[in-house]
Each structure stands twice: as C-alpha cells, then as structure tokens.
Amino acid sequence: MIKLKNKNFSVDISEKGAEIQHIYNNAEEFNYIWDDKDKKYWKRHAPILFPFIGRSNDNTYLVNGKEYTMKQHGFGRDQTFEVESKTDTEAVLSITDTDETRKIYPFKFKFTVTYKLQNDGLKTTYSVKNTDDKKMSYALGSHPGFNVPFGSDESYEDFYLAITPNDLSLEQFEVAPAPFINGKVKSISNIDGVINLSHEMFNDGLIILANKNIKSVQLASMKSDHRIELTLDDFPYLALWSVENERAPFICMEAFAGLPDIYGKPGEIMDKKGNNLLDAGKEDIFSYSMILD
C-alpha cells in the first residue's frame, strides 16, 4: 500500500489498479472515499477505467475487422502498477503493454498515473503514451466513490450536486438497455446547475451528462460543512452512479474521456463514439483535482 500524507489529508493507494483506497481528513478522521467493508453494495473504491469505459457489445470489439474480447471497463483496474517514484506527497505509477494485454488490446502503450497531494486535496494526472507504430484508440475514466451522507445526522436527500457553469441546460445520454447507451440524449432536470440527490435517480443505471463544457462538479450537503469538488476541464463527460434499485450510501462522480458502447453489434474501435485516437509515438495528458473541505 502506498501512503501519502500532508498536514490536512492522508491517502492510501493500492498498487493494484493504482486505485485510491482512502482519503482521510486528518483533523476529523473523516474518510471521503467509499469503503464497502461488508461487500454489500460495491467492492471497489476508485477504479481507473482503461482502455475501455463500460461494456462492449457481446464483450467483443473489432480492430480492422478482427475480433477481440474485452471485459467491462477494460483491464487497467486489475493490473499491478509499477511504482516509479514516491515522496511523502506524490506517487507515480505505471503499466505497459504485455503479451497478455496485446491478446485482448493489440496496441503498445505506457499508461502512467501521478497522484499529488496538495493542501486543498488531491490532483490526479493520467498520461497515455502510444509506443506502437500505428494509431491507437482508447477510453479513459476515473471512477471514485464518495461516502454519502458525510455525517450521522444527514440523509442522502440532504445532498446535491452543483455544476459549473450553472447556466447549462443539462443533458444526459439515454441508457438503453443498461449498461449501454443508444446514442440519443435527453434533458435532465436542474435548477441553476443544481441536481438534488435521491436513490431513485439511479434506478435506470448510470447517468452520463452529455454537456462537454462542464468545468466542475461539487458534492455538498445542506447540513454539513464538508464539500467535494472535481475539476473537469480535461474531460468531456461527467458520469454519476450508485447501485441501481438500492439505498447504497455513496455516489460515484466520474470524469470520462470516452463512452460506453452504443447498443447493437460489436463495432470498430477506431470509429467508437467518444474514444480518443492517438498517433504513434504521441502522448495524451489528462488531469483533474479533487478539492476537499
């Protein structure tokens, strides 16, 4: 386990999947990150989705007509990352392609995650390098779960999401059938960029906002001073999720650079809606900050 610490926060990160396990508020011993000790709802904490987001049709996709099999959300979250460097407040972890990954994803790459603990929270930077001699296509998503409510005197319905800028007419991709999208978008009810939380809003599955100009999202309560804000400048989509048809005490706020498959037949990865195309020898950088109060 990798541990980062400053005067305000303590962070635990697993080498498996480079996944955040806990973020503690040192003063109050409060854990922001979901931890399902009983494995009743969701066993993960903050997985990284790479090189796929969501599930492929028939768990299959095509590269120049050749079929490959890929499980939901790709393989990055289950790989053991190498720790390239580590200080008290920063850790750099990476994976590269292997004989096994090339059997299911026929591209050479290096994927690096850098966590930097700051006085106001945690900054995460992803680097995707194409080390192949051909163009590659990939998706990238961050999938952190946050405890809701924050305190014992709160309920889930005391919480809301504040979207910036607040004058957007929010739209979401239709999920039909879950966990796929159908390519259509529909309006989502919001008042000045505020979405009130309820368990029922997740009964139809993942919510993916289609607005590409969202700058940040803040999770807050009418009864608490704690806040969690995610900056989203480098990511075109924001996804929201909790367990369907349950009253699970958490919400995932997910920065997406990519989308699930449109329901139907397996498709060509180079033509997949929302995917990133990266030329041989090139690198993409994505960053977001998790600002914590």
C-alpha atoms as a PDB file:
ATOM      1  CA  MET A   1       0.000   0.000   0.000  1.00  0.00           C
ATOM      2  CA  ILE A   2       1.278   3.461  -0.931  1.00  0.00           C
ATOM      3  CA  LYS A   3       0.705   6.190   1.651  1.00  0.00           C
ATOM      4  CA  LEU A   4       0.721   9.950   1.051  1.00  0.00           C
ATOM      5  CA  LYS A   5       0.319  12.487   3.831  1.00  0.00           C
ATOM      6  CA  ASN A   6       0.399  16.208   4.500  1.00  0.00           C
ATOM      7  CA  LYS A   7      -0.963  18.308   7.357  1.00  0.00           C
ATOM      8  CA  ASN A   8      -4.554  18.088   6.077  1.00  0.00           C
ATOM      9  CA  PHE A   9      -5.023  14.694   4.416  1.00  0.00           C
ATOM     10  CA  SER A  10      -3.804  11.097   4.364  1.00  0.00           C
ATOM     11  CA  VAL A  11      -4.194   8.958   1.240  1.00  0.00           C
ATOM     12  CA  ASP A  12      -3.881   5.193   0.725  1.00  0.00           C
ATOM     13  CA  ILE A  13      -3.304   3.891  -2.813  1.00  0.00           C
ATOM     14  CA  SER A  14      -3.108   0.261  -3.895  1.00  0.00           C
ATOM     15  CA  GLU A  15      -0.568  -0.869  -6.481  1.00  0.00           C
ATOM     16  CA  LYS A  16      -3.377  -2.990  -7.941  1.00  0.00           C
ATOM     17  CA  GLY A  17      -5.074  -0.740 -10.436  1.00  0.00           C
ATOM     18  CA  ALA A  18      -3.316   2.326  -8.925  1.00  0.00           C
ATOM     19  CA  GLU A  19      -6.616   2.633  -7.060  1.00  0.00           C
ATOM     20  CA  ILE A  20      -7.233   5.111  -4.248  1.00  0.00           C
ATOM     21  CA  GLN A  21      -8.429   3.217  -1.173  1.00  0.00           C
ATOM     22  CA  HIS A  22      -8.950   6.028   1.358  1.00  0.00           C
ATOM     23  CA  ILE A  23      -8.631   9.786   1.672  1.00  0.00           C
ATOM     24  CA  TYR A  24      -8.776  10.868   5.305  1.00  0.00           C
ATOM     25  CA  ASN A  25      -9.374  14.321   6.725  1.00  0.00           C
ATOM     26  CA  ASN A  26      -6.657  14.300   9.393  1.00  0.00           C
ATOM     27  CA  ALA A  27      -8.342  16.743  11.748  1.00  0.00           C
ATOM     28  CA  GLU A  28     -11.666  14.903  11.867  1.00  0.00           C
ATOM     29  CA  GLU A  29     -10.566  11.382  10.870  1.00  0.00           C
ATOM     30  CA  PHE A  30     -13.198  11.532   8.167  1.00  0.00           C
ATOM     31  CA  ASN A  31     -12.880   9.239   5.128  1.00  0.00           C
ATOM     32  CA  TYR A  32     -14.176  10.760   1.887  1.00  0.00           C
ATOM     33  CA  ILE A  33     -13.781   7.565  -0.200  1.00  0.00           C
ATOM     34  CA  TRP A  34     -16.334   4.774  -0.179  1.00  0.00           C
ATOM     35  CA  ASP A  35     -15.233   1.642   1.690  1.00  0.00           C
ATOM     36  CA  ASP A  36     -17.714  -1.236   1.490  1.00  0.00           C
ATOM     37  CA  LYS A  37     -16.265  -3.432   4.221  1.00  0.00           C
ATOM     38  CA  ASP A  38     -19.189  -5.854   4.071  1.00  0.00           C
ATOM     39  CA  LYS A  39     -19.104  -6.033   0.229  1.00  0.00           C
ATOM     40  CA  LYS A  40     -22.845  -5.486   0.239  1.00  0.00           C
ATOM     41  CA  TYR A  41     -23.043  -2.866  -2.494  1.00  0.00           C
ATOM     42  CA  TRP A  42     -19.790  -2.299  -4.407  1.00  0.00           C
ATOM     43  CA  LYS A  43     -16.399  -3.770  -3.528  1.00  0.00           C
ATOM     44  CA  ARG A  44     -14.274  -1.134  -5.257  1.00  0.00           C
ATOM     45  CA  HIS A  45     -13.261   2.350  -4.116  1.00  0.00           C
ATOM     46  CA  ALA A  46     -11.984   4.440  -7.028  1.00  0.00           C
ATOM     47  CA  PRO A  47     -11.075   2.260 -10.024  1.00  0.00           C
ATOM     48  CA  ILE A  48      -9.413   3.633 -13.148  1.00  0.00           C
ATOM     49  CA  LEU A  49     -11.155   2.661 -16.387  1.00  0.00           C
ATOM     50  CA  PHE A  50      -8.642   1.982 -19.179  1.00  0.00           C
ATOM     51  CA  PRO A  51      -8.570   1.356 -22.112  1.00  0.00           C
ATOM     52  CA  PHE A  52     -12.369   0.901 -22.205  1.00  0.00           C
ATOM     53  CA  ILE A  53     -15.327   2.512 -20.460  1.00  0.00           C
ATOM     54  CA  GLY A  54     -18.405   0.356 -19.974  1.00  0.00           C
ATOM     55  CA  ARG A  55     -19.174  -2.949 -21.626  1.00  0.00           C
ATOM     56  CA  SER A  56     -18.668  -3.844 -25.266  1.00  0.00           C
ATOM     57  CA  ASN A  57     -21.469  -5.465 -27.240  1.00  0.00           C
ATOM     58  CA  ASP A  58     -21.087  -9.214 -26.674  1.00  0.00           C
ATOM     59  CA  ASN A  59     -17.910  -8.246 -24.744  1.00  0.00           C
ATOM     60  CA  THR A  60     -16.329  -8.013 -28.177  1.00  0.00           C
ATOM     61  CA  TYR A  61     -14.950  -5.285 -30.426  1.00  0.00           C
ATOM     62  CA  LEU A  62     -13.185  -5.072 -33.781  1.00  0.00           C
ATOM     63  CA  VAL A  63      -9.808  -3.791 -34.937  1.00  0.00           C
ATOM     64  CA  ASN A  64      -9.711  -3.671 -38.734  1.00  0.00           C
ATOM     65  CA  GLY A  65     -12.335  -6.403 -38.826  1.00  0.00           C
ATOM     66  CA  LYS A  66     -10.591  -8.740 -36.385  1.00  0.00           C
ATOM     67  CA  GLU A  67     -12.482  -9.621 -33.202  1.00  0.00           C
ATOM     68  CA  TYR A  68     -11.072  -9.083 -29.724  1.00  0.00           C
ATOM     69  CA  THR A  69     -12.620  -9.720 -26.320  1.00  0.00           C
ATOM     70  CA  MET A  70     -12.647  -7.025 -23.648  1.00  0.00           C
ATOM     71  CA  LYS A  71     -14.331  -7.161 -20.251  1.00  0.00           C
ATOM     72  CA  GLN A  72     -16.272  -4.256 -18.783  1.00  0.00           C
ATOM     73  CA  HIS A  73     -14.185  -1.136 -18.080  1.00  0.00           C
ATOM     74  CA  GLY A  74     -11.005  -2.632 -19.547  1.00  0.00           C
ATOM     75  CA  PHE A  75      -8.083  -4.264 -17.782  1.00  0.00           C
ATOM     76  CA  GLY A  76      -6.242  -1.330 -16.184  1.00  0.00           C
ATOM     77  CA  ARG A  77      -8.097  -1.556 -12.872  1.00  0.00           C
ATOM     78  CA  ASP A  78      -6.866  -5.128 -12.325  1.00  0.00           C
ATOM     79  CA  GLN A  79      -3.215  -4.681 -13.342  1.00  0.00           C
ATOM     80  CA  THR A  80      -0.376  -4.364 -10.833  1.00  0.00           C
ATOM     81  CA  PHE A  81       1.257  -0.977 -11.380  1.00  0.00           C
ATOM     82  CA  GLU A  82       4.964  -0.329 -11.014  1.00  0.00           C
ATOM     83  CA  VAL A  83       5.839   2.413  -8.547  1.00  0.00           C
ATOM     84  CA  GLU A  84       8.191   4.665 -10.498  1.00  0.00           C
ATOM     85  CA  SER A  85       8.716   7.223  -7.739  1.00  0.00           C
ATOM     86  CA  LYS A  86       7.356   8.096  -4.310  1.00  0.00           C
ATOM     87  CA  THR A  87       7.634  11.002  -1.853  1.00  0.00           C
ATOM     88  CA  ASP A  88       5.542  11.956   1.168  1.00  0.00           C
ATOM     89  CA  THR A  89       3.070  13.808  -1.066  1.00  0.00           C
ATOM     90  CA  GLU A  90       3.472  12.366  -4.579  1.00  0.00           C
ATOM     91  CA  ALA A  91       3.455   8.946  -6.214  1.00  0.00           C
ATOM     92  CA  VAL A  92       3.968   7.967  -9.854  1.00  0.00           C
ATOM     93  CA  LEU A  93       2.704   4.548 -11.008  1.00  0.00           C
ATOM     94  CA  SER A  94       2.637   2.964 -14.455  1.00  0.00           C
ATOM     95  CA  ILE A  95       1.856  -0.067 -16.570  1.00  0.00           C
ATOM     96  CA  THR A  96       2.886  -1.013 -20.095  1.00  0.00           C
ATOM     97  CA  ASP A  97       1.532  -3.468 -22.614  1.00  0.00           C
ATOM     98  CA  THR A  98       2.422  -7.140 -22.214  1.00  0.00           C
ATOM     99  CA  ASP A  99       1.984 -10.308 -24.241  1.00  0.00           C
ATOM    100  CA  GLU A 100      -1.274 -10.872 -22.353  1.00  0.00           C
ATOM    101  CA  THR A 101      -2.706  -7.375 -22.868  1.00  0.00           C
ATOM    102  CA  ARG A 102      -1.898  -7.466 -26.595  1.00  0.00           C
ATOM    103  CA  LYS A 103      -4.074 -10.564 -26.944  1.00  0.00           C
ATOM    104  CA  ILE A 104      -7.126  -8.506 -25.952  1.00  0.00           C
ATOM    105  CA  TYR A 105      -5.931  -4.992 -26.885  1.00  0.00           C
ATOM    106  CA  PRO A 106      -3.480  -5.096 -29.821  1.00  0.00           C
ATOM    107  CA  PHE A 107      -1.623  -1.861 -29.085  1.00  0.00           C
ATOM    108  CA  LYS A 108       1.656  -0.985 -27.411  1.00  0.00           C
ATOM    109  CA  PHE A 109       1.356   1.717 -24.759  1.00  0.00           C
ATOM    110  CA  LYS A 110       2.549   3.154 -21.480  1.00  0.00           C
ATOM    111  CA  PHE A 111      -0.100   4.349 -19.025  1.00  0.00           C
ATOM    112  CA  THR A 112       1.049   6.476 -16.081  1.00  0.00           C
ATOM    113  CA  VAL A 113      -0.862   7.789 -13.078  1.00  0.00           C
ATOM    114  CA  THR A 114       0.533  10.577 -10.898  1.00  0.00           C
ATOM    115  CA  TYR A 115      -1.061  11.432  -7.564  1.00  0.00           C
ATOM    116  CA  LYS A 116      -0.027  14.731  -5.955  1.00  0.00           C
ATOM    117  CA  LEU A 117      -1.370  15.553  -2.501  1.00  0.00           C
ATOM    118  CA  GLN A 118      -1.945  19.272  -2.024  1.00  0.00           C
ATOM    119  CA  ASN A 119      -3.164  21.432   0.846  1.00  0.00           C
ATOM    120  CA  ASP A 120      -6.685  21.574  -0.617  1.00  0.00           C
ATOM    121  CA  GLY A 121      -6.949  17.986  -1.859  1.00  0.00           C
ATOM    122  CA  LEU A 122      -5.554  15.540  -4.394  1.00  0.00           C
ATOM    123  CA  LYS A 123      -4.514  16.155  -8.004  1.00  0.00           C
ATOM    124  CA  THR A 124      -4.524  13.188 -10.391  1.00  0.00           C
ATOM    125  CA  THR A 125      -2.740  13.208 -13.743  1.00  0.00           C
ATOM    126  CA  TYR A 126      -3.000  10.477 -16.366  1.00  0.00           C
ATOM    127  CA  SER A 127      -0.515  10.025 -19.211  1.00  0.00           C
ATOM    128  CA  VAL A 128      -1.301   7.769 -22.168  1.00  0.00           C
ATOM    129  CA  LYS A 129       1.663   7.170 -24.489  1.00  0.00           C
ATOM    130  CA  ASN A 130       1.323   5.328 -27.784  1.00  0.00           C
ATOM    131  CA  THR A 131       4.570   3.354 -28.058  1.00  0.00           C
ATOM    132  CA  ASP A 132       3.330   1.496 -31.135  1.00  0.00           C
ATOM    133  CA  ASP A 133       3.966   2.205 -34.813  1.00  0.00           C
ATOM    134  CA  LYS A 134       0.244   2.666 -35.535  1.00  0.00           C
ATOM    135  CA  LYS A 135      -2.621   4.805 -34.288  1.00  0.00           C
ATOM    136  CA  MET A 136      -4.393   3.563 -31.157  1.00  0.00           C
ATOM    137  CA  SER A 137      -7.905   4.126 -29.855  1.00  0.00           C
ATOM    138  CA  TYR A 138      -8.762   4.174 -26.163  1.00  0.00           C
ATOM    139  CA  ALA A 139     -11.108   5.480 -23.490  1.00  0.00           C
ATOM    140  CA  LEU A 140     -10.165   6.692 -20.018  1.00  0.00           C
ATOM    141  CA  GLY A 141     -12.313   7.152 -16.957  1.00  0.00           C
ATOM    142  CA  SER A 142     -11.872   7.941 -13.277  1.00  0.00           C
ATOM    143  CA  HIS A 143     -14.469   6.209 -11.080  1.00  0.00           C
ATOM    144  CA  PRO A 144     -14.148   7.391  -7.431  1.00  0.00           C
ATOM    145  CA  GLY A 145     -16.911   6.598  -4.967  1.00  0.00           C
ATOM    146  CA  PHE A 146     -17.685   9.067  -2.150  1.00  0.00           C
ATOM    147  CA  ASN A 147     -19.448   8.435   1.135  1.00  0.00           C
ATOM    148  CA  VAL A 148     -22.938   9.928   1.310  1.00  0.00           C
ATOM    149  CA  PRO A 149     -24.009  11.018   3.842  1.00  0.00           C
ATOM    150  CA  PHE A 150     -20.939  12.596   5.443  1.00  0.00           C
ATOM    151  CA  GLY A 151     -22.351  12.541   8.986  1.00  0.00           C
ATOM    152  CA  SER A 152     -24.833  10.599  11.098  1.00  0.00           C
ATOM    153  CA  ASP A 153     -27.375  13.431  11.216  1.00  0.00           C
ATOM    154  CA  GLU A 154     -27.695  13.629   7.407  1.00  0.00           C
ATOM    155  CA  SER A 155     -29.683  11.719   4.818  1.00  0.00           C
ATOM    156  CA  TYR A 156     -28.911  11.034   1.169  1.00  0.00           C
ATOM    157  CA  GLU A 157     -31.603  13.510   0.159  1.00  0.00           C
ATOM    158  CA  ASP A 158     -29.820  16.324   2.025  1.00  0.00           C
ATOM    159  CA  PHE A 159     -27.151  16.303  -0.679  1.00  0.00           C
ATOM    160  CA  TYR A 160     -26.946  17.987  -4.031  1.00  0.00           C
ATOM    161  CA  LEU A 161     -24.570  18.375  -6.972  1.00  0.00           C
ATOM    162  CA  ALA A 162     -23.625  21.872  -8.104  1.00  0.00           C
ATOM    163  CA  ILE A 163     -22.484  22.041 -11.726  1.00  0.00           C
ATOM    164  CA  THR A 164     -20.234  24.840 -13.011  1.00  0.00           C
ATOM    165  CA  PRO A 165     -21.049  26.794 -15.111  1.00  0.00           C
ATOM    166  CA  ASN A 166     -24.529  26.893 -13.592  1.00  0.00           C
ATOM    167  CA  ASP A 167     -26.352  28.210 -16.665  1.00  0.00           C
ATOM    168  CA  LEU A 168     -26.072  24.999 -18.698  1.00  0.00           C
ATOM    169  CA  SER A 169     -29.172  23.203 -19.925  1.00  0.00           C
ATOM    170  CA  LEU A 170     -28.034  19.815 -18.738  1.00  0.00           C
ATOM    171  CA  GLU A 171     -28.498  16.800 -20.986  1.00  0.00           C
ATOM    172  CA  GLN A 172     -27.700  13.135 -20.497  1.00  0.00           C
ATOM    173  CA  PHE A 173     -27.140  10.199 -22.789  1.00  0.00           C
ATOM    174  CA  GLU A 174     -30.022   7.742 -22.759  1.00  0.00           C
ATOM    175  CA  VAL A 175     -29.014   4.417 -21.190  1.00  0.00           C
ATOM    176  CA  ALA A 176     -30.953   1.728 -23.030  1.00  0.00           C
ATOM    177  CA  PRO A 177     -30.534  -1.068 -22.207  1.00  0.00           C
ATOM    178  CA  ALA A 178     -28.198  -0.650 -19.236  1.00  0.00           C
ATOM    179  CA  PRO A 179     -25.203  -0.575 -19.252  1.00  0.00           C
ATOM    180  CA  PHE A 180     -25.228   0.560 -22.908  1.00  0.00           C
ATOM    181  CA  ILE A 181     -26.263   3.878 -24.449  1.00  0.00           C
ATOM    182  CA  ASN A 182     -28.480   4.250 -27.517  1.00  0.00           C
ATOM    183  CA  GLY A 183     -26.856   7.372 -28.952  1.00  0.00           C
ATOM    184  CA  LYS A 184     -29.723   9.712 -28.008  1.00  0.00           C
ATOM    185  CA  VAL A 185     -29.687  12.486 -25.410  1.00  0.00           C
ATOM    186  CA  LYS A 186     -32.447  13.828 -23.187  1.00  0.00           C
ATOM    187  CA  SER A 187     -32.847  16.765 -20.828  1.00  0.00           C
ATOM    188  CA  ILE A 188     -32.130  16.385 -17.138  1.00  0.00           C
ATOM    189  CA  SER A 189     -33.972  18.453 -14.561  1.00  0.00           C
ATOM    190  CA  ASN A 190     -31.792  21.091 -12.950  1.00  0.00           C
ATOM    191  CA  ILE A 191     -32.259  24.483 -11.339  1.00  0.00           C
ATOM    192  CA  ASP A 192     -29.299  26.802 -11.929  1.00  0.00           C
ATOM    193  CA  GLY A 193     -26.961  23.844 -12.275  1.00  0.00           C
ATOM    194  CA  VAL A 194     -28.132  22.079  -9.098  1.00  0.00           C
ATOM    195  CA  ILE A 195     -29.128  18.409  -9.118  1.00  0.00           C
ATOM    196  CA  ASN A 196     -30.760  17.169  -5.920  1.00  0.00           C
ATOM    197  CA  LEU A 197     -29.706  13.653  -4.965  1.00  0.00           C
ATOM    198  CA  SER A 198     -32.041  10.737  -4.472  1.00  0.00           C
ATOM    199  CA  HIS A 199     -31.520   6.998  -4.626  1.00  0.00           C
ATOM    200  CA  GLU A 200     -34.300   6.711  -7.202  1.00  0.00           C
ATOM    201  CA  MET A 201     -32.408   8.803  -9.767  1.00  0.00           C
ATOM    202  CA  PHE A 202     -30.064   5.831 -10.329  1.00  0.00           C
ATOM    203  CA  ASN A 203     -32.745   3.175 -10.802  1.00  0.00           C
ATOM    204  CA  ASP A 204     -32.243   3.227 -14.582  1.00  0.00           C
ATOM    205  CA  GLY A 205     -28.476   2.944 -14.271  1.00  0.00           C
ATOM    206  CA  LEU A 206     -25.526   5.180 -14.971  1.00  0.00           C
ATOM    207  CA  ILE A 207     -26.131   8.865 -15.692  1.00  0.00           C
ATOM    208  CA  ILE A 208     -23.724  10.364 -18.245  1.00  0.00           C
ATOM    209  CA  LEU A 209     -24.050  14.084 -18.817  1.00  0.00           C
ATOM    210  CA  ALA A 210     -23.637  14.936 -22.486  1.00  0.00           C
ATOM    211  CA  ASN A 211     -22.561  18.554 -21.895  1.00  0.00           C
ATOM    212  CA  LYS A 212     -18.911  18.905 -22.927  1.00  0.00           C
ATOM    213  CA  ASN A 213     -18.315  22.305 -21.306  1.00  0.00           C
ATOM    214  CA  ILE A 214     -18.781  21.366 -17.643  1.00  0.00           C
ATOM    215  CA  LYS A 215     -15.891  22.826 -15.660  1.00  0.00           C
ATOM    216  CA  SER A 216     -16.507  21.262 -12.269  1.00  0.00           C
ATOM    217  CA  VAL A 217     -18.976  19.389 -10.078  1.00  0.00           C
ATOM    218  CA  GLN A 218     -19.351  19.833  -6.330  1.00  0.00           C
ATOM    219  CA  LEU A 219     -20.952  17.365  -3.925  1.00  0.00           C
ATOM    220  CA  ALA A 220     -22.361  19.197  -0.904  1.00  0.00           C
ATOM    221  CA  SER A 221     -24.959  18.909   1.839  1.00  0.00           C
ATOM    222  CA  MET A 222     -27.387  21.394   3.311  1.00  0.00           C
ATOM    223  CA  LYS A 223     -26.366  20.115   6.769  1.00  0.00           C
ATOM    224  CA  SER A 224     -22.583  19.782   6.518  1.00  0.00           C
ATOM    225  CA  ASP A 225     -19.534  21.966   6.040  1.00  0.00           C
ATOM    226  CA  HIS A 226     -17.752  19.223   4.082  1.00  0.00           C
ATOM    227  CA  ARG A 227     -17.509  19.600   0.300  1.00  0.00           C
ATOM    228  CA  ILE A 228     -16.007  17.546  -2.532  1.00  0.00           C
ATOM    229  CA  GLU A 229     -15.318  19.290  -5.820  1.00  0.00           C
ATOM    230  CA  LEU A 230     -13.956  17.712  -9.005  1.00  0.00           C
ATOM    231  CA  THR A 231     -12.452  19.880 -11.734  1.00  0.00           C
ATOM    232  CA  LEU A 232     -13.239  18.559 -15.196  1.00  0.00           C
ATOM    233  CA  ASP A 233     -11.527  20.804 -17.768  1.00  0.00           C
ATOM    234  CA  ASP A 234      -9.646  17.911 -19.432  1.00  0.00           C
ATOM    235  CA  PHE A 235     -12.629  15.543 -19.511  1.00  0.00           C
ATOM    236  CA  PRO A 236     -15.584  15.975 -21.910  1.00  0.00           C
ATOM    237  CA  TYR A 237     -18.131  13.955 -19.920  1.00  0.00           C
ATOM    238  CA  LEU A 238     -19.276  13.588 -16.325  1.00  0.00           C
ATOM    239  CA  ALA A 239     -20.857  10.334 -15.159  1.00  0.00           C
ATOM    240  CA  LEU A 240     -22.827   9.743 -11.955  1.00  0.00           C
ATOM    241  CA  TRP A 241     -23.592   6.354 -10.481  1.00  0.00           C
ATOM    242  CA  SER A 242     -24.778   4.484  -7.440  1.00  0.00           C
ATOM    243  CA  VAL A 243     -26.178   0.975  -7.129  1.00  0.00           C
ATOM    244  CA  GLU A 244     -29.439   0.576  -9.012  1.00  0.00           C
ATOM    245  CA  ASN A 245     -32.626  -0.050  -7.000  1.00  0.00           C
ATOM    246  CA  GLU A 246     -30.755   0.093  -3.698  1.00  0.00           C
ATOM    247  CA  ARG A 247     -30.203   2.659  -0.987  1.00  0.00           C
ATOM    248  CA  ALA A 248     -26.411   2.492  -1.154  1.00  0.00           C
ATOM    249  CA  PRO A 249     -24.771   5.270   0.928  1.00  0.00           C
ATOM    250  CA  PHE A 250     -22.374   6.526  -1.725  1.00  0.00           C
ATOM    251  CA  ILE A 251     -22.173   8.242  -5.093  1.00  0.00           C
ATOM    252  CA  CYS A 252     -19.564   7.961  -7.820  1.00  0.00           C
ATOM    253  CA  MET A 253     -18.636  11.154  -9.662  1.00  0.00           C
ATOM    254  CA  GLU A 254     -16.698  10.060 -12.724  1.00  0.00           C
ATOM    255  CA  ALA A 255     -14.554  12.066 -15.132  1.00  0.00           C
ATOM    256  CA  PHE A 256     -14.917  10.398 -18.551  1.00  0.00           C
ATOM    257  CA  ALA A 257     -12.843  10.726 -21.707  1.00  0.00           C
ATOM    258  CA  GLY A 258     -14.865   8.129 -23.551  1.00  0.00           C
ATOM    259  CA  LEU A 259     -18.286   6.485 -23.542  1.00  0.00           C
ATOM    260  CA  PRO A 260     -19.883   3.039 -23.246  1.00  0.00           C
ATOM    261  CA  ASP A 261     -20.844   1.218 -26.427  1.00  0.00           C
ATOM    262  CA  ILE A 262     -23.980   2.117 -28.307  1.00  0.00           C
ATOM    263  CA  TYR A 263     -26.154  -0.976 -28.020  1.00  0.00           C
ATOM    264  CA  GLY A 264     -26.111  -3.297 -31.001  1.00  0.00           C
ATOM    265  CA  LYS A 265     -23.354  -5.295 -32.659  1.00  0.00           C
ATOM    266  CA  PRO A 266     -19.614  -5.234 -31.915  1.00  0.00           C
ATOM    267  CA  GLY A 267     -18.061  -2.253 -33.661  1.00  0.00           C
ATOM    268  CA  GLU A 268     -14.712  -0.956 -34.867  1.00  0.00           C
ATOM    269  CA  ILE A 269     -12.738   0.615 -32.040  1.00  0.00           C
ATOM    270  CA  MET A 270     -11.359   3.314 -34.361  1.00  0.00           C
ATOM    271  CA  ASP A 271     -14.914   4.517 -35.000  1.00  0.00           C
ATOM    272  CA  LYS A 272     -16.210   4.266 -31.439  1.00  0.00           C
ATOM    273  CA  LYS A 273     -18.114   7.358 -30.270  1.00  0.00           C
ATOM    274  CA  GLY A 274     -16.236   9.250 -27.577  1.00  0.00           C
ATOM    275  CA  ASN A 275     -12.950   7.380 -27.950  1.00  0.00           C
ATOM    276  CA  ASN A 276      -9.568   9.090 -28.180  1.00  0.00           C
ATOM    277  CA  LEU A 277      -7.343   8.499 -31.216  1.00  0.00           C
ATOM    278  CA  LEU A 278      -3.619   8.782 -30.507  1.00  0.00           C
ATOM    279  CA  ASP A 279      -0.955   8.765 -33.225  1.00  0.00           C
ATOM    280  CA  ALA A 280       2.130   6.553 -32.984  1.00  0.00           C
ATOM    281  CA  GLY A 281       4.754   7.996 -30.665  1.00  0.00           C
ATOM    282  CA  LYS A 282       2.397  10.623 -29.216  1.00  0.00           C
ATOM    283  CA  GLU A 283       1.141  11.256 -25.663  1.00  0.00           C
ATOM    284  CA  ASP A 284      -2.157  12.468 -24.176  1.00  0.00           C
ATOM    285  CA  ILE A 285      -2.334  14.105 -20.744  1.00  0.00           C
ATOM    286  CA  PHE A 286      -5.482  14.375 -18.588  1.00  0.00           C
ATOM    287  CA  SER A 287      -5.632  15.953 -15.137  1.00  0.00           C
ATOM    288  CA  TYR A 288      -8.300  16.685 -12.558  1.00  0.00           C
ATOM    289  CA  SER A 289      -8.255  17.912  -8.982  1.00  0.00           C
ATOM    290  CA  MET A 290     -10.297  16.610  -6.073  1.00  0.00           C
ATOM    291  CA  ILE A 291     -10.788  19.656  -3.836  1.00  0.00           C
ATOM    292  CA  LEU A 292     -11.814  18.645  -0.328  1.00  0.00           C
ATOM    293  CA  ASP A 293     -13.270  20.540   2.630  1.00  0.00           C
END
